[in-house]
Amino acid sequence: LDTMLKLHKQADMQEEKNRIERVLGAISQPE
């Protein structure tokens, strides 16, 4: 998850930010 959030922060394109935002909910652990 940390890696994915880092990719989000580094992304230049809004399209890539949105792509990451849409998939973050796949993570399974409650915390």
All heavy atoms as atom14 arrays in JSON, in Angstrom:
{
  "sequence": "LDTMLKLHKQADMQEEKNRIERVLGAISQPE",
  "atom14_mask": [
    [1, 1, 1, 1, 1, 1, 1, 1, 0, 0, 0, 0, 0, 0],
    [1, 1, 1, 1, 1, 1, 1, 1, 0, 0, 0, 0, 0, 0],
    [1, 1, 1, 1, 1, 1, 1, 0, 0, 0, 0, 0, 0, 0],
    [1, 1, 1, 1, 1, 1, 1, 1, 0, 0, 0, 0, 0, 0],
    [1, 1, 1, 1, 1, 1, 1, 1, 0, 0, 0, 0, 0, 0],
    [1, 1, 1, 1, 1, 1, 1, 1, 1, 0, 0, 0, 0, 0],
    [1, 1, 1, 1, 1, 1, 1, 1, 0, 0, 0, 0, 0, 0],
    [1, 1, 1, 1, 1, 1, 1, 1, 1, 1, 0, 0, 0, 0],
    [1, 1, 1, 1, 1, 1, 1, 1, 1, 0, 0, 0, 0, 0],
    [1, 1, 1, 1, 1, 1, 1, 1, 1, 0, 0, 0, 0, 0],
    [1, 1, 1, 1, 1, 0, 0, 0, 0, 0, 0, 0, 0, 0],
    [1, 1, 1, 1, 1, 1, 1, 1, 0, 0, 0, 0, 0, 0],
    [1, 1, 1, 1, 1, 1, 1, 1, 0, 0, 0, 0, 0, 0],
    [1, 1, 1, 1, 1, 1, 1, 1, 1, 0, 0, 0, 0, 0],
    [1, 1, 1, 1, 1, 1, 1, 1, 1, 0, 0, 0, 0, 0],
    [1, 1, 1, 1, 1, 1, 1, 1, 1, 0, 0, 0, 0, 0],
    [1, 1, 1, 1, 1, 1, 1, 1, 1, 0, 0, 0, 0, 0],
    [1, 1, 1, 1, 1, 1, 1, 1, 0, 0, 0, 0, 0, 0],
    [1, 1, 1, 1, 1, 1, 1, 1, 1, 1, 1, 0, 0, 0],
    [1, 1, 1, 1, 1, 1, 1, 1, 0, 0, 0, 0, 0, 0],
    [1, 1, 1, 1, 1, 1, 1, 1, 1, 0, 0, 0, 0, 0],
    [1, 1, 1, 1, 1, 1, 1, 1, 1, 1, 1, 0, 0, 0],
    [1, 1, 1, 1, 1, 1, 1, 0, 0, 0, 0, 0, 0, 0],
    [1, 1, 1, 1, 1, 1, 1, 1, 0, 0, 0, 0, 0, 0],
    [1, 1, 1, 1, 0, 0, 0, 0, 0, 0, 0, 0, 0, 0],
    [1, 1, 1, 1, 1, 0, 0, 0, 0, 0, 0, 0, 0, 0],
    [1, 1, 1, 1, 1, 1, 1, 1, 0, 0, 0, 0, 0, 0],
    [1, 1, 1, 1, 1, 1, 0, 0, 0, 0, 0, 0, 0, 0],
    [1, 1, 1, 1, 1, 1, 1, 1, 1, 0, 0, 0, 0, 0],
    [1, 1, 1, 1, 1, 1, 1, 0, 0, 0, 0, 0, 0, 0],
    [1, 1, 1, 1, 1, 1, 1, 1, 1, 0, 0, 0, 0, 0]
  ],
  "atom14_positions": [
    [[0.84, -1.21, 0.0], [0.0, 0.0, 0.0], [0.87, 1.25, 0.0], [0.6, 2.2, -0.74], [-0.94, 0.0, 1.21], [-1.87, 1.21, 1.34], [-2.76, 1.37, 0.1], [-2.73, 1.13, 2.6], [0.0, 0.0, 0.0], [0.0, 0.0, 0.0], [0.0, 0.0, 0.0], [0.0, 0.0, 0.0], [0.0, 0.0, 0.0], [0.0, 0.0, 0.0]],
    [[1.93, 1.25, 0.81], [2.83, 2.41, 0.85], [3.45, 2.68, -0.52], [3.54, 3.82, -0.96], [3.95, 2.19, 1.89], [3.43, 2.27, 3.32], [2.3, 2.77, 3.51], [4.13, 1.82, 4.24], [0.0, 0.0, 0.0], [0.0, 0.0, 0.0], [0.0, 0.0, 0.0], [0.0, 0.0, 0.0], [0.0, 0.0, 0.0], [0.0, 0.0, 0.0]],
    [[3.85, 1.61, -1.19], [4.43, 1.75, -2.54], [3.41, 2.36, -3.49], [3.73, 3.24, -4.29], [4.89, 0.37, -3.08], [5.83, -0.18, -2.17], [5.52, 0.48, -4.45], [0.0, 0.0, 0.0], [0.0, 0.0, 0.0], [0.0, 0.0, 0.0], [0.0, 0.0, 0.0], [0.0, 0.0, 0.0], [0.0, 0.0, 0.0], [0.0, 0.0, 0.0]],
    [[2.17, 1.89, -3.38], [1.12, 2.39, -4.26], [0.83, 3.87, -3.99], [0.63, 4.65, -4.93], [-0.14, 1.55, -4.05], [-1.08, 1.56, -5.2], [-0.38, 0.85, -6.7], [-0.72, -0.85, -6.44], [0.0, 0.0, 0.0], [0.0, 0.0, 0.0], [0.0, 0.0, 0.0], [0.0, 0.0, 0.0], [0.0, 0.0, 0.0], [0.0, 0.0, 0.0]],
    [[0.85, 4.26, -2.72], [0.61, 5.67, -2.38], [1.77, 6.54, -2.86], [1.57, 7.69, -3.26], [0.39, 5.83, -0.87], [-0.9, 5.18, -0.33], [-0.97, 5.29, 1.19], [-2.15, 5.8, -0.95], [0.0, 0.0, 0.0], [0.0, 0.0, 0.0], [0.0, 0.0, 0.0], [0.0, 0.0, 0.0], [0.0, 0.0, 0.0], [0.0, 0.0, 0.0]],
    [[2.96, 5.95, -2.86], [4.13, 6.68, -3.36], [4.01, 6.88, -4.88], [4.28, 7.96, -5.41], [5.41, 5.89, -3.02], [6.67, 6.75, -3.06], [7.83, 6.06, -2.36], [8.5, 5.1, -3.32], [9.56, 4.29, -2.69], [0.0, 0.0, 0.0], [0.0, 0.0, 0.0], [0.0, 0.0, 0.0], [0.0, 0.0, 0.0], [0.0, 0.0, 0.0]],
    [[3.57, 5.82, -5.59], [3.34, 5.92, -7.03], [2.3, 7.01, -7.33], [2.42, 7.75, -8.31], [2.84, 4.59, -7.62], [3.84, 3.45, -7.81], [3.13, 2.23, -8.38], [5.01, 3.84, -8.71], [0.0, 0.0, 0.0], [0.0, 0.0, 0.0], [0.0, 0.0, 0.0], [0.0, 0.0, 0.0], [0.0, 0.0, 0.0], [0.0, 0.0, 0.0]],
    [[1.29, 7.09, -6.47], [0.24, 8.1, -6.64], [0.84, 9.5, -6.51], [0.58, 10.38, -7.33], [-0.86, 7.89, -5.59], [-1.99, 8.87, -5.67], [-1.94, 10.12, -5.09], [-3.2, 8.79, -6.29], [-3.08, 10.76, -5.33], [-3.86, 9.97, -6.05], [0.0, 0.0, 0.0], [0.0, 0.0, 0.0], [0.0, 0.0, 0.0], [0.0, 0.0, 0.0]],
    [[1.65, 9.67, -5.49], [2.26, 10.99, -5.23], [3.18, 11.4, -6.39], [3.21, 12.56, -6.8], [3.05, 10.91, -3.92], [3.26, 12.25, -3.24], [3.98, 12.05, -1.91], [4.16, 13.35, -1.16], [2.9, 13.95, -0.71], [0.0, 0.0, 0.0], [0.0, 0.0, 0.0], [0.0, 0.0, 0.0], [0.0, 0.0, 0.0], [0.0, 0.0, 0.0]],
    [[3.91, 10.42, -6.94], [4.89, 10.71, -8.0], [4.26, 10.86, -9.38], [4.9, 11.38, -10.29], [5.94, 9.58, -8.05], [6.86, 9.55, -6.85], [7.67, 8.26, -6.77], [7.42, 7.32, -7.54], [8.6, 8.19, -5.85], [0.0, 0.0, 0.0], [0.0, 0.0, 0.0], [0.0, 0.0, 0.0], [0.0, 0.0, 0.0], [0.0, 0.0, 0.0]],
    [[3.02, 10.4, -9.54], [2.42, 10.38, -10.87], [2.23, 11.8, -11.41], [1.7, 12.67, -10.73], [1.07, 9.67, -10.82], [0.0, 0.0, 0.0], [0.0, 0.0, 0.0], [0.0, 0.0, 0.0], [0.0, 0.0, 0.0], [0.0, 0.0, 0.0], [0.0, 0.0, 0.0], [0.0, 0.0, 0.0], [0.0, 0.0, 0.0], [0.0, 0.0, 0.0]],
    [[2.7, 12.01, -12.64], [2.54, 13.33, -13.28], [1.13, 13.47, -13.85], [0.55, 14.55, -13.85], [3.53, 13.5, -14.45], [4.97, 13.4, -13.97], [5.21, 13.77, -12.8], [5.83, 12.95, -14.74], [0.0, 0.0, 0.0], [0.0, 0.0, 0.0], [0.0, 0.0, 0.0], [0.0, 0.0, 0.0], [0.0, 0.0, 0.0], [0.0, 0.0, 0.0]],
    [[0.63, 12.36, -14.38], [-0.65, 12.4, -15.09], [-1.82, 12.17, -14.12], [-1.78, 11.22, -13.33], [-0.7, 11.31, -16.16], [0.46, 11.35, -17.14], [0.16, 12.52, -18.45], [-1.12, 11.68, -19.36], [0.0, 0.0, 0.0], [0.0, 0.0, 0.0], [0.0, 0.0, 0.0], [0.0, 0.0, 0.0], [0.0, 0.0, 0.0], [0.0, 0.0, 0.0]],
    [[-2.85, 13.0, -14.25], [-4.05, 12.81, -13.43], [-4.7, 11.45, -13.71], [-5.23, 10.81, -12.82], [-5.05, 13.95, -13.7], [-6.23, 13.97, -12.75], [-5.84, 14.1, -11.29], [-4.98, 14.88, -10.93], [-6.46, 13.3, -10.43], [0.0, 0.0, 0.0], [0.0, 0.0, 0.0], [0.0, 0.0, 0.0], [0.0, 0.0, 0.0], [0.0, 0.0, 0.0]],
    [[-4.59, 11.0, -14.96], [-5.15, 9.69, -15.34], [-4.55, 8.56, -14.5], [-5.25, 7.65, -14.06], [-4.85, 9.45, -16.83], [-5.48, 8.19, -17.39], [-4.99, 7.85, -18.8], [-4.05, 8.52, -19.29], [-5.53, 6.92, -19.38], [0.0, 0.0, 0.0], [0.0, 0.0, 0.0], [0.0, 0.0, 0.0], [0.0, 0.0, 0.0], [0.0, 0.0, 0.0]],
    [[-3.24, 8.63, -14.27], [-2.57, 7.61, -13.46], [-2.98, 7.74, -11.99], [-3.21, 6.75, -11.31], [-1.05, 7.72, -13.62], [-0.23, 6.81, -12.72], [-0.32, 5.31, -13.04], [-1.11, 4.89, -13.9], [0.44, 4.54, -12.4], [0.0, 0.0, 0.0], [0.0, 0.0, 0.0], [0.0, 0.0, 0.0], [0.0, 0.0, 0.0], [0.0, 0.0, 0.0]],
    [[-3.1, 8.96, -11.5], [-3.56, 9.16, -10.12], [-4.95, 8.54, -9.94], [-5.2, 7.82, -8.97], [-3.6, 10.65, -9.76], [-2.22, 11.27, -9.51], [-2.36, 12.68, -8.95], [-1.04, 13.42, -8.87], [-0.13, 12.9, -7.83], [0.0, 0.0, 0.0], [0.0, 0.0, 0.0], [0.0, 0.0, 0.0], [0.0, 0.0, 0.0], [0.0, 0.0, 0.0]],
    [[-5.84, 8.81, -10.9], [-7.2, 8.26, -10.83], [-7.21, 6.74, -10.9], [-7.97, 6.07, -10.2], [-8.07, 8.82, -11.95], [-8.4, 10.29, -11.79], [-8.61, 11.0, -12.75], [-8.42, 10.79, -10.56], [0.0, 0.0, 0.0], [0.0, 0.0, 0.0], [0.0, 0.0, 0.0], [0.0, 0.0, 0.0], [0.0, 0.0, 0.0], [0.0, 0.0, 0.0]],
    [[-6.34, 6.19, -11.75], [-6.24, 4.74, -11.89], [-5.87, 4.12, -10.53], [-6.45, 3.12, -10.11], [-5.19, 4.4, -12.94], [-5.05, 2.92, -13.22], [-3.91, 2.65, -14.17], [-4.24, 2.96, -15.55], [-3.6, 3.82, -16.32], [-2.56, 4.49, -15.86], [-3.97, 4.03, -17.56], [0.0, 0.0, 0.0], [0.0, 0.0, 0.0], [0.0, 0.0, 0.0]],
    [[-4.91, 4.72, -9.85], [-4.48, 4.21, -8.55], [-5.59, 4.39, -7.52], [-5.87, 3.48, -6.73], [-3.17, 4.9, -8.11], [-2.03, 4.47, -9.04], [-2.82, 4.56, -6.65], [-0.74, 5.29, -8.9], [0.0, 0.0, 0.0], [0.0, 0.0, 0.0], [0.0, 0.0, 0.0], [0.0, 0.0, 0.0], [0.0, 0.0, 0.0], [0.0, 0.0, 0.0]],
    [[-6.24, 5.56, -7.53], [-7.31, 5.81, -6.57], [-8.43, 4.77, -6.66], [-8.97, 4.33, -5.64], [-7.9, 7.22, -6.81], [-6.97, 8.33, -6.36], [-7.26, 9.68, -7.01], [-8.26, 9.79, -7.77], [-6.49, 10.62, -6.76], [0.0, 0.0, 0.0], [0.0, 0.0, 0.0], [0.0, 0.0, 0.0], [0.0, 0.0, 0.0], [0.0, 0.0, 0.0]],
    [[-8.74, 4.36, -7.88], [-9.84, 3.4, -8.08], [-9.52, 2.01, -7.56], [-10.43, 1.25, -7.26], [-10.22, 3.32, -9.56], [-11.04, 4.5, -10.05], [-11.68, 4.22, -11.42], [-10.67, 4.02, -12.46], [-10.17, 5.0, -13.2], [-10.55, 6.25, -13.03], [-9.27, 4.74, -14.13], [0.0, 0.0, 0.0], [0.0, 0.0, 0.0], [0.0, 0.0, 0.0]],
    [[-8.22, 1.66, -7.48], [-7.88, 0.28, -7.09], [-7.45, 0.12, -5.64], [-7.33, -1.0, -5.15], [-6.76, -0.31, -8.0], [-7.21, -0.38, -9.44], [-5.45, 0.45, -7.86], [0.0, 0.0, 0.0], [0.0, 0.0, 0.0], [0.0, 0.0, 0.0], [0.0, 0.0, 0.0], [0.0, 0.0, 0.0], [0.0, 0.0, 0.0], [0.0, 0.0, 0.0]],
    [[-7.25, 1.22, -4.92], [-6.74, 1.13, -3.55], [-7.63, 0.29, -2.64], [-7.15, -0.35, -1.7], [-6.56, 2.53, -2.94], [-5.42, 3.37, -3.52], [-5.47, 4.78, -2.97], [-4.06, 2.73, -3.23], [0.0, 0.0, 0.0], [0.0, 0.0, 0.0], [0.0, 0.0, 0.0], [0.0, 0.0, 0.0], [0.0, 0.0, 0.0], [0.0, 0.0, 0.0]],
    [[-8.93, 0.28, -2.94], [-9.89, -0.48, -2.12], [-9.71, -1.98, -2.19], [-10.35, -2.72, -1.44], [0.0, 0.0, 0.0], [0.0, 0.0, 0.0], [0.0, 0.0, 0.0], [0.0, 0.0, 0.0], [0.0, 0.0, 0.0], [0.0, 0.0, 0.0], [0.0, 0.0, 0.0], [0.0, 0.0, 0.0], [0.0, 0.0, 0.0], [0.0, 0.0, 0.0]],
    [[-8.8, -2.46, -3.05], [-8.56, -3.91, -3.14], [-7.81, -4.44, -1.93], [-7.81, -5.64, -1.67], [-7.78, -4.22, -4.42], [0.0, 0.0, 0.0], [0.0, 0.0, 0.0], [0.0, 0.0, 0.0], [0.0, 0.0, 0.0], [0.0, 0.0, 0.0], [0.0, 0.0, 0.0], [0.0, 0.0, 0.0], [0.0, 0.0, 0.0], [0.0, 0.0, 0.0]],
    [[-7.16, -3.54, -1.19], [-6.37, -3.99, -0.02], [-7.31, -4.67, 0.99], [-8.46, -4.26, 1.14], [-5.59, -2.81, 0.61], [-4.41, -3.3, 1.43], [-6.47, -1.88, 1.44], [-3.13, -3.48, 0.71], [0.0, 0.0, 0.0], [0.0, 0.0, 0.0], [0.0, 0.0, 0.0], [0.0, 0.0, 0.0], [0.0, 0.0, 0.0], [0.0, 0.0, 0.0]],
    [[-6.81, -5.71, 1.67], [-7.72, -6.56, 2.45], [-7.74, -6.31, 3.97], [-8.76, -6.49, 4.61], [-7.39, -8.04, 2.22], [-7.45, -8.33, 0.85], [0.0, 0.0, 0.0], [0.0, 0.0, 0.0], [0.0, 0.0, 0.0], [0.0, 0.0, 0.0], [0.0, 0.0, 0.0], [0.0, 0.0, 0.0], [0.0, 0.0, 0.0], [0.0, 0.0, 0.0]],
    [[-6.59, -5.94, 4.54], [-6.53, -5.86, 6.01], [-7.28, -4.64, 6.54], [-7.15, -3.55, 6.01], [-5.07, -5.79, 6.5], [-4.24, -7.02, 6.17], [-3.55, -6.91, 4.83], [-4.13, -6.43, 3.86], [-2.31, -7.37, 4.75], [0.0, 0.0, 0.0], [0.0, 0.0, 0.0], [0.0, 0.0, 0.0], [0.0, 0.0, 0.0], [0.0, 0.0, 0.0]],
    [[-8.04, -4.83, 7.64], [-8.88, -3.76, 8.19], [-8.12, -2.45, 8.46], [-8.6, -1.37, 8.12], [-9.42, -4.35, 9.49], [-9.41, -5.82, 9.27], [-8.24, -6.11, 8.37], [0.0, 0.0, 0.0], [0.0, 0.0, 0.0], [0.0, 0.0, 0.0], [0.0, 0.0, 0.0], [0.0, 0.0, 0.0], [0.0, 0.0, 0.0], [0.0, 0.0, 0.0]],
    [[-6.93, -2.54, 9.04], [-6.21, -1.29, 9.37], [-5.74, -0.57, 8.1], [-5.65, 0.67, 8.06], [-5.05, -1.53, 10.34], [-3.86, -2.28, 9.79], [-4.03, -3.8, 9.72], [-5.15, -4.32, 9.98], [-3.05, -4.49, 9.4], [0.0, 0.0, 0.0], [0.0, 0.0, 0.0], [0.0, 0.0, 0.0], [0.0, 0.0, 0.0], [0.0, 0.0, 0.0]]
  ]
}
